[in-house]
Amino acid sequence: MKLTTTNRQEVDEYSWGVYVWEIEEDGLKKVLADDDGNFMLIFSTKGDREKIKKLADAARHYGFPEGRPVFWSGKRPITDEEYQEQLMREKLGLVPDPLDVGALRDEARANNQ
């Protein structure tokens, strides 16, 4: 007997995040990025038409008019320096992102037990 789930809906945990530009290349969906793997993105709240327009204009400027904005909830852009700091924190056994409130709460709970 096979069970199926119906009427399922994805719910974003956060109203903030980033919009990325998704393109279709050779039948595959890809997120637009440079040669170093840095995504073309803009930090935004969900549904912010002004930020979506800025992202679309930038994609058009770089020669990718076909595509669509995709919202990644709860994500934020970081600099290369922040990334290196997060790697160092992870190696030290700390929560990599000091702004990850959920992980910090979990760590505090684990330390209290």
Protein backbone atom coordinates (compact mmCIF):
# COMPACT_ATOMS: atom_id res chain seq x y z
CA MET A 1 0.00 0.00 0.00
CA LYS A 2 1.39 3.40 -1.02
CA LEU A 3 0.77 6.47 1.14
CA THR A 4 0.56 9.89 -0.46
CA THR A 5 0.50 13.33 1.09
CA THR A 6 -2.00 15.79 -0.32
CA ASN A 7 -2.65 19.47 0.30
CA ARG A 8 0.93 20.03 1.39
CA GLN A 9 2.23 23.60 1.35
CA GLU A 10 5.72 25.01 1.91
CA VAL A 11 5.84 27.67 4.61
CA ASP A 12 8.79 30.06 4.84
CA GLU A 13 10.19 30.31 8.35
CA TYR A 14 11.46 33.85 7.77
CA SER A 15 10.11 36.77 5.76
CA TRP A 16 13.68 37.92 4.97
CA GLY A 17 16.30 36.27 2.80
CA VAL A 18 17.90 36.70 -0.60
CA TYR A 19 16.66 36.66 -4.15
CA VAL A 20 18.87 34.85 -6.66
CA TRP A 21 18.54 34.81 -10.45
CA GLU A 22 17.71 31.36 -11.83
CA ILE A 23 18.38 30.57 -15.50
CA GLU A 24 17.85 27.49 -17.60
CA GLU A 25 20.92 26.26 -19.43
CA ASP A 26 20.97 23.07 -21.51
CA GLY A 27 17.70 22.00 -19.92
CA LEU A 28 19.07 22.41 -16.37
CA LYS A 29 18.08 25.10 -13.89
CA LYS A 30 21.10 26.99 -12.55
CA VAL A 31 21.61 29.96 -10.28
CA LEU A 32 23.53 32.77 -11.95
CA ALA A 33 27.05 33.04 -10.48
CA ASP A 34 30.50 34.26 -11.43
CA ASP A 35 33.54 32.06 -12.09
CA ASP A 36 34.39 32.01 -8.37
CA GLY A 37 30.94 30.63 -7.48
CA ASN A 38 29.59 33.87 -6.01
CA PHE A 39 25.85 34.04 -6.68
CA MET A 40 24.14 37.08 -8.14
CA LEU A 41 21.82 37.91 -5.27
CA ILE A 42 20.16 40.72 -3.39
CA PHE A 43 19.17 40.78 0.29
CA SER A 44 15.45 41.44 0.61
CA THR A 45 12.16 40.69 2.27
CA LYS A 46 9.86 38.33 0.43
CA GLY A 47 7.88 40.04 -2.34
CA ASP A 48 9.88 43.30 -2.43
CA ARG A 49 9.23 44.32 -6.04
CA GLU A 50 11.86 47.07 -6.01
CA LYS A 51 14.66 44.63 -5.09
CA ILE A 52 13.39 42.06 -7.60
CA LYS A 53 13.47 44.73 -10.32
CA LYS A 54 17.06 45.66 -9.40
CA LEU A 55 18.11 42.02 -9.64
CA ALA A 56 16.35 41.60 -12.99
CA ASP A 57 17.98 44.77 -14.34
CA ALA A 58 21.42 43.53 -13.27
CA ALA A 59 20.83 40.14 -14.89
CA ARG A 60 19.71 41.85 -18.10
CA HIS A 61 22.79 44.09 -17.99
CA TYR A 62 25.07 41.03 -17.81
CA GLY A 63 23.27 39.35 -20.73
CA PHE A 64 20.80 37.07 -18.95
CA PRO A 65 17.35 38.55 -19.65
CA GLU A 66 15.68 35.13 -19.57
CA GLY A 67 15.38 33.86 -16.07
CA ARG A 68 13.42 34.41 -12.93
CA PRO A 69 13.99 35.54 -9.35
CA VAL A 70 13.92 32.82 -6.71
CA PHE A 71 13.59 33.61 -2.99
CA TRP A 72 15.79 31.76 -0.49
CA SER A 73 14.23 32.30 2.93
CA GLY A 74 16.49 32.88 5.93
CA LYS A 75 19.71 33.29 3.91
CA ARG A 76 21.94 36.35 3.99
CA PRO A 77 24.96 37.48 2.02
CA ILE A 78 28.32 37.45 3.77
CA THR A 79 31.71 38.89 2.85
CA ASP A 80 34.84 36.84 2.29
CA GLU A 81 36.13 38.00 5.68
CA GLU A 82 32.94 36.83 7.43
CA TYR A 83 33.26 33.47 5.67
CA GLN A 84 36.84 33.03 6.89
CA GLU A 85 35.75 33.96 10.41
CA GLN A 86 32.94 31.38 10.26
CA LEU A 87 35.40 28.69 9.17
CA MET A 88 37.66 29.57 12.10
CA ARG A 89 34.72 29.48 14.56
CA GLU A 90 33.68 26.07 13.23
CA LYS A 91 37.21 24.68 13.68
CA LEU A 92 37.15 25.94 17.29
CA GLY A 93 33.91 24.05 17.92
CA LEU A 94 31.72 27.15 18.07
CA VAL A 95 28.56 27.95 16.13
CA PRO A 96 29.98 29.20 12.81
CA ASP A 97 27.54 32.07 12.31
CA PRO A 98 27.27 34.31 15.39
CA LEU A 99 23.94 35.61 14.03
CA ASP A 100 22.35 32.13 13.87
CA VAL A 101 20.04 32.58 16.86
CA GLY A 102 18.51 29.10 16.61
CA ALA A 103 21.88 27.35 16.70
CA LEU A 104 23.03 29.52 19.59
CA ARG A 105 19.90 28.60 21.57
CA ASP A 106 20.45 24.91 20.87
CA GLU A 107 24.05 25.20 22.00
CA ALA A 108 23.00 26.94 25.23
CA ARG A 109 20.42 24.23 25.94
CA ALA A 110 23.00 21.51 25.34
CA ASN A 111 25.48 23.21 27.70
CA ASN A 112 22.84 23.44 30.45
CA GLN A 113 22.07 19.73 30.30
